[in-house]
């Protein structure tokens, strides 16, 4: 499979991976937000997603934070109504 070599598709992939992370870990995400330890609770899943992202995009996209931004935009914001010390 060819590597993704344009910004738009790299961002799209990052968001798709984050969406899957959100979909398949909804209970853990709610718990992590509520207890202010989301990134500890999901560390393994987040790192698997990051590895998948890096394996699919050209190296120049590895350090542009597309994946991290997608995790915050999709995973964290999906639980904005959950009571938490985070907000």
PDB file of N, CA and C in Angstrom:
ATOM      1  N   UNK A   1       0.833  -1.166   0.000  1.00  0.00           N
ATOM      2  CA  UNK A   1       0.000   0.000   0.000  1.00  0.00           C
ATOM      3  C   UNK A   1       0.892   1.250   0.000  1.00  0.00           C
ATOM      4  N   UNK A   2       0.567   2.176  -0.845  1.00  0.00           N
ATOM      5  CA  UNK A   2       1.352   3.409  -0.972  1.00  0.00           C
ATOM      6  C   UNK A   2       1.114   4.316   0.238  1.00  0.00           C
ATOM      7  N   UNK A   3       2.150   5.049   0.590  1.00  0.00           N
ATOM      8  CA  UNK A   3       2.038   5.990   1.695  1.00  0.00           C
ATOM      9  C   UNK A   3       1.230   7.216   1.275  1.00  0.00           C
ATOM     10  N   UNK A   4       0.499   7.759   2.206  1.00  0.00           N
ATOM     11  CA  UNK A   4      -0.244   8.999   1.980  1.00  0.00           C
ATOM     12  C   UNK A   4       0.777  10.129   1.923  1.00  0.00           C
ATOM     13  N   UNK A   5       0.709  10.926   0.864  1.00  0.00           N
ATOM     14  CA  UNK A   5       1.713  11.967   0.664  1.00  0.00           C
ATOM     15  C   UNK A   5       1.125  13.365   0.535  1.00  0.00           C
ATOM     16  N   UNK A   6      -0.128  13.553   0.935  1.00  0.00           N
ATOM     17  CA  UNK A   6      -0.669  14.915   0.924  1.00  0.00           C
ATOM     18  C   UNK A   6      -1.362  15.197   2.251  1.00  0.00           C
ATOM     19  N   UNK A   7      -1.343  16.459   2.601  1.00  0.00           N
ATOM     20  CA  UNK A   7      -1.812  16.906   3.918  1.00  0.00           C
ATOM     21  C   UNK A   7      -3.281  16.572   4.157  1.00  0.00           C
ATOM     22  N   UNK A   8      -4.113  16.810   3.190  1.00  0.00           N
ATOM     23  CA  UNK A   8      -5.542  16.584   3.356  1.00  0.00           C
ATOM     24  C   UNK A   8      -5.832  15.125   3.704  1.00  0.00           C
ATOM     25  N   UNK A   9      -5.214  14.209   2.990  1.00  0.00           N
ATOM     26  CA  UNK A   9      -5.447  12.789   3.253  1.00  0.00           C
ATOM     27  C   UNK A   9      -4.818  12.345   4.573  1.00  0.00           C
ATOM     28  N   UNK A  10      -3.694  12.943   4.947  1.00  0.00           N
ATOM     29  CA  UNK A  10      -3.072  12.621   6.243  1.00  0.00           C
ATOM     30  C   UNK A  10      -3.994  13.054   7.383  1.00  0.00           C
ATOM     31  N   UNK A  11      -4.561  14.229   7.262  1.00  0.00           N
ATOM     32  CA  UNK A  11      -5.514  14.703   8.288  1.00  0.00           C
ATOM     33  C   UNK A  11      -6.750  13.810   8.329  1.00  0.00           C
ATOM     34  N   UNK A  12      -7.228  13.437   7.180  1.00  0.00           N
ATOM     35  CA  UNK A  12      -8.408  12.578   7.098  1.00  0.00           C
ATOM     36  C   UNK A  12      -8.143  11.230   7.775  1.00  0.00           C
ATOM     37  N   UNK A  13      -6.975  10.668   7.534  1.00  0.00           N
ATOM     38  CA  UNK A  13      -6.625   9.392   8.168  1.00  0.00           C
ATOM     39  C   UNK A  13      -6.546   9.560   9.684  1.00  0.00           C
ATOM     40  N   UNK A  14      -5.922  10.620  10.145  1.00  0.00           N
ATOM     41  CA  UNK A  14      -5.811  10.865  11.591  1.00  0.00           C
ATOM     42  C   UNK A  14      -7.191  10.937  12.223  1.00  0.00           C
ATOM     43  N   UNK A  15      -8.113  11.620  11.582  1.00  0.00           N
ATOM     44  CA  UNK A  15      -9.469  11.754  12.118  1.00  0.00           C
ATOM     45  C   UNK A  15     -10.218  10.421  12.077  1.00  0.00           C
ATOM     46  N   UNK A  16      -9.992   9.630  11.059  1.00  0.00           N
ATOM     47  CA  UNK A  16     -10.648   8.321  10.983  1.00  0.00           C
ATOM     48  C   UNK A  16     -10.155   7.403  12.100  1.00  0.00           C
ATOM     49  N   UNK A  17      -8.869   7.418  12.354  1.00  0.00           N
ATOM     50  CA  UNK A  17      -8.308   6.598  13.429  1.00  0.00           C
ATOM     51  C   UNK A  17      -8.851   7.074  14.778  1.00  0.00           C
ATOM     52  N   UNK A  18      -8.900   8.379  14.992  1.00  0.00           N
ATOM     53  CA  UNK A  18      -9.437   8.922  16.245  1.00  0.00           C
ATOM     54  C   UNK A  18     -10.923   8.589  16.396  1.00  0.00           C
ATOM     55  N   UNK A  19     -11.652   8.614  15.296  1.00  0.00           N
ATOM     56  CA  UNK A  19     -13.076   8.258  15.343  1.00  0.00           C
ATOM     57  C   UNK A  19     -13.258   6.807  15.764  1.00  0.00           C
ATOM     58  N   UNK A  20     -12.447   5.932  15.221  1.00  0.00           N
ATOM     59  CA  UNK A  20     -12.505   4.527  15.628  1.00  0.00           C
ATOM     60  C   UNK A  20     -12.158   4.371  17.100  1.00  0.00           C
ATOM     61  N   UNK A  21     -11.152   5.088  17.534  1.00  0.00           N
ATOM     62  CA  UNK A  21     -10.749   5.059  18.939  1.00  0.00           C
ATOM     63  C   UNK A  21     -11.929   5.473  19.818  1.00  0.00           C
ATOM     64  N   UNK A  22     -12.614   6.523  19.431  1.00  0.00           N
ATOM     65  CA  UNK A  22     -13.769   7.019  20.181  1.00  0.00           C
ATOM     66  C   UNK A  22     -14.917   6.015  20.165  1.00  0.00           C
ATOM     67  N   UNK A  23     -15.183   5.458  19.028  1.00  0.00           N
ATOM     68  CA  UNK A  23     -16.294   4.519  18.869  1.00  0.00           C
ATOM     69  C   UNK A  23     -16.103   3.254  19.699  1.00  0.00           C
ATOM     70  N   UNK A  24     -14.921   2.691  19.678  1.00  0.00           N
ATOM     71  CA  UNK A  24     -14.687   1.393  20.316  1.00  0.00           C
ATOM     72  C   UNK A  24     -14.260   1.486  21.779  1.00  0.00           C
ATOM     73  N   UNK A  25     -14.084   2.686  22.304  1.00  0.00           N
ATOM     74  CA  UNK A  25     -13.625   2.844  23.687  1.00  0.00           C
ATOM     75  C   UNK A  25     -14.468   3.865  24.447  1.00  0.00           C
ATOM     76  N   UNK A  26     -15.721   3.969  24.113  1.00  0.00           N
ATOM     77  CA  UNK A  26     -16.579   5.008  24.672  1.00  0.00           C
ATOM     78  C   UNK A  26     -16.632   4.975  26.207  1.00  0.00           C
ATOM     79  N   UNK A  27     -16.781   3.814  26.783  1.00  0.00           N
ATOM     80  CA  UNK A  27     -16.869   3.707  28.243  1.00  0.00           C
ATOM     81  C   UNK A  27     -15.559   4.124  28.912  1.00  0.00           C
ATOM     82  N   UNK A  28     -14.436   3.676  28.362  1.00  0.00           N
ATOM     83  CA  UNK A  28     -13.125   4.049  28.912  1.00  0.00           C
ATOM     84  C   UNK A  28     -12.892   5.551  28.795  1.00  0.00           C
ATOM     85  N   UNK A  29     -13.330   6.136  27.698  1.00  0.00           N
ATOM     86  CA  UNK A  29     -13.150   7.574  27.493  1.00  0.00           C
ATOM     87  C   UNK A  29     -13.951   8.350  28.534  1.00  0.00           C
ATOM     88  N   UNK A  30     -15.204   7.972  28.741  1.00  0.00           N
ATOM     89  CA  UNK A  30     -16.031   8.654  29.742  1.00  0.00           C
ATOM     90  C   UNK A  30     -15.390   8.538  31.122  1.00  0.00           C
ATOM     91  N   UNK A  31     -14.911   7.365  31.456  1.00  0.00           N
ATOM     92  CA  UNK A  31     -14.256   7.156  32.750  1.00  0.00           C
ATOM     93  C   UNK A  31     -12.981   7.999  32.858  1.00  0.00           C
ATOM     94  N   UNK A  32     -12.184   8.025  31.809  1.00  0.00           N
ATOM     95  CA  UNK A  32     -10.945   8.790  31.817  1.00  0.00           C
ATOM     96  C   UNK A  32     -11.172  10.280  31.933  1.00  0.00           C
ATOM     97  N   UNK A  33     -12.195  10.784  31.275  1.00  0.00           N
ATOM     98  CA  UNK A  33     -12.519  12.206  31.377  1.00  0.00           C
ATOM     99  C   UNK A  33     -13.010  12.518  32.784  1.00  0.00           C
ATOM    100  N   UNK A  34     -13.901  11.684  33.283  1.00  0.00           N
ATOM    101  CA  UNK A  34     -14.467  11.907  34.616  1.00  0.00           C
ATOM    102  C   UNK A  34     -13.392  11.918  35.705  1.00  0.00           C
ATOM    103  N   UNK A  35     -12.419  11.034  35.590  1.00  0.00           N
ATOM    104  CA  UNK A  35     -11.376  10.907  36.611  1.00  0.00           C
ATOM    105  C   UNK A  35     -10.085  11.645  36.248  1.00  0.00           C
ATOM    106  N   UNK A  36     -10.121  12.403  35.173  1.00  0.00           N
ATOM    107  CA  UNK A  36      -8.980  13.212  34.740  1.00  0.00           C
ATOM    108  C   UNK A  36      -7.718  12.379  34.509  1.00  0.00           C
ATOM    109  N   UNK A  37      -7.906  11.197  33.920  1.00  0.00           N
ATOM    110  CA  UNK A  37      -6.755  10.353  33.577  1.00  0.00           C
ATOM    111  C   UNK A  37      -6.952   9.699  32.206  1.00  0.00           C
ATOM    112  N   UNK A  38      -7.593  10.424  31.320  1.00  0.00           N
ATOM    113  CA  UNK A  38      -7.933   9.896  30.003  1.00  0.00           C
ATOM    114  C   UNK A  38      -6.729   9.347  29.259  1.00  0.00           C
ATOM    115  N   UNK A  39      -5.637  10.087  29.265  1.00  0.00           N
ATOM    116  CA  UNK A  39      -4.486   9.671  28.466  1.00  0.00           C
ATOM    117  C   UNK A  39      -3.741   8.496  29.098  1.00  0.00           C
ATOM    118  N   UNK A  40      -3.952   8.281  30.367  1.00  0.00           N
ATOM    119  CA  UNK A  40      -3.409   7.081  31.030  1.00  0.00           C
ATOM    120  C   UNK A  40      -4.279   5.884  30.674  1.00  0.00           C
ATOM    121  N   UNK A  41      -5.593   6.065  30.800  1.00  0.00           N
ATOM    122  CA  UNK A  41      -6.546   4.990  30.529  1.00  0.00           C
ATOM    123  C   UNK A  41      -6.442   4.505  29.082  1.00  0.00           C
ATOM    124  N   UNK A  42      -6.250   5.427  28.167  1.00  0.00           N
ATOM    125  CA  UNK A  42      -6.228   5.077  26.736  1.00  0.00           C
ATOM    126  C   UNK A  42      -4.829   5.020  26.135  1.00  0.00           C
ATOM    127  N   UNK A  43      -3.805   5.030  26.954  1.00  0.00           N
ATOM    128  CA  UNK A  43      -2.441   5.136  26.419  1.00  0.00           C
ATOM    129  C   UNK A  43      -2.121   4.046  25.397  1.00  0.00           C
ATOM    130  N   UNK A  44      -2.492   2.829  25.668  1.00  0.00           N
ATOM    131  CA  UNK A  44      -2.183   1.738  24.734  1.00  0.00           C
ATOM    132  C   UNK A  44      -2.917   1.917  23.409  1.00  0.00           C
ATOM    133  N   UNK A  45      -4.199   2.242  23.475  1.00  0.00           N
ATOM    134  CA  UNK A  45      -4.990   2.418  22.259  1.00  0.00           C
ATOM    135  C   UNK A  45      -4.515   3.637  21.467  1.00  0.00           C
ATOM    136  N   UNK A  46      -4.189   4.711  22.165  1.00  0.00           N
ATOM    137  CA  UNK A  46      -3.695   5.913  21.483  1.00  0.00           C
ATOM    138  C   UNK A  46      -2.381   5.618  20.765  1.00  0.00           C
ATOM    139  N   UNK A  47      -1.491   4.890  21.419  1.00  0.00           N
ATOM    140  CA  UNK A  47      -0.199   4.572  20.794  1.00  0.00           C
ATOM    141  C   UNK A  47      -0.358   3.605  19.616  1.00  0.00           C
ATOM    142  N   UNK A  48      -1.296   2.677  19.700  1.00  0.00           N
ATOM    143  CA  UNK A  48      -1.566   1.798  18.554  1.00  0.00           C
ATOM    144  C   UNK A  48      -2.065   2.621  17.369  1.00  0.00           C
ATOM    145  N   UNK A  49      -2.945   3.582  17.650  1.00  0.00           N
ATOM    146  CA  UNK A  49      -3.444   4.458  16.600  1.00  0.00           C
ATOM    147  C   UNK A  49      -2.336   5.296  15.995  1.00  0.00           C
ATOM    148  N   UNK A  50      -1.448   5.807  16.853  1.00  0.00           N
ATOM    149  CA  UNK A  50      -0.323   6.606  16.370  1.00  0.00           C
ATOM    150  C   UNK A  50       0.580   5.763  15.460  1.00  0.00           C
ATOM    151  N   UNK A  51       0.847   4.537  15.873  1.00  0.00           N
ATOM    152  CA  UNK A  51       1.693   3.648  15.070  1.00  0.00           C
ATOM    153  C   UNK A  51       1.034   3.370  13.714  1.00  0.00           C
ATOM    154  N   UNK A  52      -0.263   3.167  13.731  1.00  0.00           N
ATOM    155  CA  UNK A  52      -0.986   2.933  12.471  1.00  0.00           C
ATOM    156  C   UNK A  52      -0.892   4.169  11.570  1.00  0.00           C
ATOM    157  N   UNK A  53      -1.115   5.347  12.154  1.00  0.00           N
ATOM    158  CA  UNK A  53      -1.015   6.596  11.385  1.00  0.00           C
ATOM    159  C   UNK A  53       0.368   6.719  10.754  1.00  0.00           C
ATOM    160  N   UNK A  54       1.410   6.534  11.563  1.00  0.00           N
ATOM    161  CA  UNK A  54       2.784   6.675  11.055  1.00  0.00           C
ATOM    162  C   UNK A  54       3.096   5.645   9.970  1.00  0.00           C
ATOM    163  N   UNK A  55       2.490   4.475  10.061  1.00  0.00           N
ATOM    164  CA  UNK A  55       2.766   3.433   9.061  1.00  0.00           C
ATOM    165  C   UNK A  55       2.107   3.733   7.712  1.00  0.00           C
ATOM    166  N   UNK A  56       1.120   4.627   7.718  1.00  0.00           N
ATOM    167  CA  UNK A  56       0.363   4.902   6.507  1.00  0.00           C
ATOM    168  C   UNK A  56       0.683   6.227   5.836  1.00  0.00           C
ATOM    169  N   UNK A  57       1.405   7.113   6.540  1.00  0.00           N
ATOM    170  CA  UNK A  57       1.690   8.427   5.947  1.00  0.00           C
ATOM    171  C   UNK A  57       3.189   8.600   5.718  1.00  0.00           C
ATOM    172  N   UNK A  58       3.523   9.490   4.796  1.00  0.00           N
ATOM    173  CA  UNK A  58       4.920   9.800   4.507  1.00  0.00           C
ATOM    174  C   UNK A  58       5.575  10.406   5.758  1.00  0.00           C
ATOM    175  N   UNK A  59       6.861  10.172   5.942  1.00  0.00           N
ATOM    176  CA  UNK A  59       7.560  10.645   7.151  1.00  0.00           C
ATOM    177  C   UNK A  59       7.427  12.132   7.438  1.00  0.00           C
ATOM    178  N   UNK A  60       7.269  12.968   6.423  1.00  0.00           N
ATOM    179  CA  UNK A  60       7.170  14.405   6.688  1.00  0.00           C
ATOM    180  C   UNK A  60       5.903  14.778   7.468  1.00  0.00           C
ATOM    181  N   UNK A  61       4.947  13.858   7.579  1.00  0.00           N
ATOM    182  CA  UNK A  61       3.726  14.126   8.339  1.00  0.00           C
ATOM    183  C   UNK A  61       3.782  13.590   9.770  1.00  0.00           C
ATOM    184  N   UNK A  62       4.818  12.865  10.114  1.00  0.00           N
ATOM    185  CA  UNK A  62       4.894  12.236  11.439  1.00  0.00           C
ATOM    186  C   UNK A  62       4.893  13.244  12.582  1.00  0.00           C
ATOM    187  N   UNK A  63       5.554  14.347  12.437  1.00  0.00           N
ATOM    188  CA  UNK A  63       5.709  15.300  13.531  1.00  0.00           C
ATOM    189  C   UNK A  63       4.848  16.554  13.385  1.00  0.00           C
ATOM    190  N   UNK A  64       3.791  16.468  12.630  1.00  0.00           N
ATOM    191  CA  UNK A  64       2.931  17.645  12.433  1.00  0.00           C
ATOM    192  C   UNK A  64       1.713  17.649  13.360  1.00  0.00           C
ATOM    193  N   UNK A  65       1.630  16.726  14.273  1.00  0.00           N
ATOM    194  CA  UNK A  65       0.569  16.652  15.282  1.00  0.00           C
ATOM    195  C   UNK A  65      -0.836  16.436  14.728  1.00  0.00           C
ATOM    196  N   UNK A  66      -0.966  15.956  13.518  1.00  0.00           N
ATOM    197  CA  UNK A  66      -2.301  15.708  12.970  1.00  0.00           C
ATOM    198  C   UNK A  66      -3.042  14.676  13.819  1.00  0.00           C
ATOM    199  N   UNK A  67      -2.347  13.640  14.194  1.00  0.00           N
ATOM    200  CA  UNK A  67      -2.992  12.589  14.983  1.00  0.00           C
ATOM    201  C   UNK A  67      -3.371  13.107  16.376  1.00  0.00           C
ATOM    202  N   UNK A  68      -2.469  13.803  17.043  1.00  0.00           N
ATOM    203  CA  UNK A  68      -2.759  14.319  18.391  1.00  0.00           C
ATOM    204  C   UNK A  68      -3.944  15.290  18.364  1.00  0.00           C
ATOM    205  N   UNK A  69      -3.983  16.145  17.372  1.00  0.00           N
ATOM    206  CA  UNK A  69      -5.103  17.085  17.250  1.00  0.00           C
ATOM    207  C   UNK A  69      -6.416  16.345  17.028  1.00  0.00           C
ATOM    208  N   UNK A  70      -6.374  15.310  16.209  1.00  0.00           N
ATOM    209  CA  UNK A  70      -7.588  14.535  15.948  1.00  0.00           C
ATOM    210  C   UNK A  70      -8.074  13.843  17.218  1.00  0.00           C
ATOM    211  N   UNK A  71      -7.153  13.334  18.015  1.00  0.00           N
ATOM    212  CA  UNK A  71      -7.540  12.687  19.278  1.00  0.00           C
ATOM    213  C   UNK A  71      -8.246  13.696  20.177  1.00  0.00           C
ATOM    214  N   UNK A  72      -7.702  14.879  20.299  1.00  0.00           N
ATOM    215  CA  UNK A  72      -8.334  15.900  21.143  1.00  0.00           C
ATOM    216  C   UNK A  72      -9.673  16.321  20.547  1.00  0.00           C
ATOM    217  N   UNK A  73      -9.695  16.629  19.248  1.00  0.00           N
ATOM    218  CA  UNK A  73     -10.921  17.098  18.603  1.00  0.00           C
ATOM    219  C   UNK A  73     -12.049  16.076  18.663  1.00  0.00           C
ATOM    220  N   UNK A  74     -11.727  14.829  18.474  1.00  0.00           N
ATOM    221  CA  UNK A  74     -12.771  13.813  18.365  1.00  0.00           C
ATOM    222  C   UNK A  74     -12.990  13.068  19.676  1.00  0.00           C
ATOM    223  N   UNK A  75     -11.940  12.582  20.286  1.00  0.00           N
ATOM    224  CA  UNK A  75     -12.086  11.748  21.481  1.00  0.00           C
ATOM    225  C   UNK A  75     -12.428  12.600  22.706  1.00  0.00           C
ATOM    226  N   UNK A  76     -11.654  13.613  22.970  1.00  0.00           N
ATOM    227  CA  UNK A  76     -11.863  14.416  24.182  1.00  0.00           C
ATOM    228  C   UNK A  76     -13.145  15.236  24.063  1.00  0.00           C
ATOM    229  N   UNK A  77     -13.323  15.919  22.980  1.00  0.00           N
ATOM    230  CA  UNK A  77     -14.510  16.769  22.827  1.00  0.00           C
ATOM    231  C   UNK A  77     -15.807  15.974  22.785  1.00  0.00           C
ATOM    232  N   UNK A  78     -15.743  14.700  22.448  1.00  0.00           N
ATOM    233  CA  UNK A  78     -16.966  13.892  22.412  1.00  0.00           C
ATOM    234  C   UNK A  78     -17.567  13.728  23.800  1.00  0.00           C
ATOM    235  N   UNK A  79     -16.760  13.949  24.824  1.00  0.00           N
ATOM    236  CA  UNK A  79     -17.228  13.803  26.203  1.00  0.00           C
ATOM    237  C   UNK A  79     -17.247  15.137  26.934  1.00  0.00           C
ATOM    238  N   UNK A  80     -17.421  16.221  26.210  1.00  0.00           N
ATOM    239  CA  UNK A  80     -17.404  17.550  26.818  1.00  0.00           C
ATOM    240  C   UNK A  80     -18.519  17.734  27.847  1.00  0.00           C
ATOM    241  N   UNK A  81     -19.582  16.947  27.760  1.00  0.00           N
ATOM    242  CA  UNK A  81     -20.677  17.075  28.713  1.00  0.00           C
ATOM    243  C   UNK A  81     -20.472  16.202  29.966  1.00  0.00           C
ATOM    244  N   UNK A  82     -19.379  15.438  30.014  1.00  0.00           N
ATOM    245  CA  UNK A  82     -19.080  14.590  31.159  1.00  0.00           C
ATOM    246  C   UNK A  82     -18.451  15.446  32.264  1.00  0.00           C
ATOM    247  N   UNK A  83     -19.005  15.390  33.469  1.00  0.00           N
ATOM    248  CA  UNK A  83     -18.390  16.161  34.566  1.00  0.00           C
ATOM    249  C   UNK A  83     -16.926  15.737  34.766  1.00  0.00           C
ATOM    250  N   UNK A  84     -16.064  16.735  34.927  1.00  0.00           N
ATOM    251  CA  UNK A  84     -14.641  16.437  35.045  1.00  0.00           C
ATOM    252  C   UNK A  84     -13.888  17.598  35.663  1.00  0.00           C
ATOM    253  N   UNK A  85     -12.771  17.294  36.297  1.00  0.00           N
ATOM    254  CA  UNK A  85     -11.873  18.326  36.798  1.00  0.00           C
ATOM    255  C   UNK A  85     -11.146  19.010  35.629  1.00  0.00           C
ATOM    256  N   UNK A  86     -11.137  18.319  34.467  1.00  0.00           N
ATOM    257  CA  UNK A  86     -10.436  18.847  33.296  1.00  0.00           C
ATOM    258  C   UNK A  86     -11.044  20.168  32.823  1.00  0.00           C
ATOM    259  N   UNK A  87     -12.326  20.361  33.068  1.00  0.00           N
ATOM    260  CA  UNK A  87     -12.974  21.608  32.669  1.00  0.00           C
ATOM    261  C   UNK A  87     -13.871  22.013  33.738  1.00  0.00           C
TER     262      UNK A  87
END
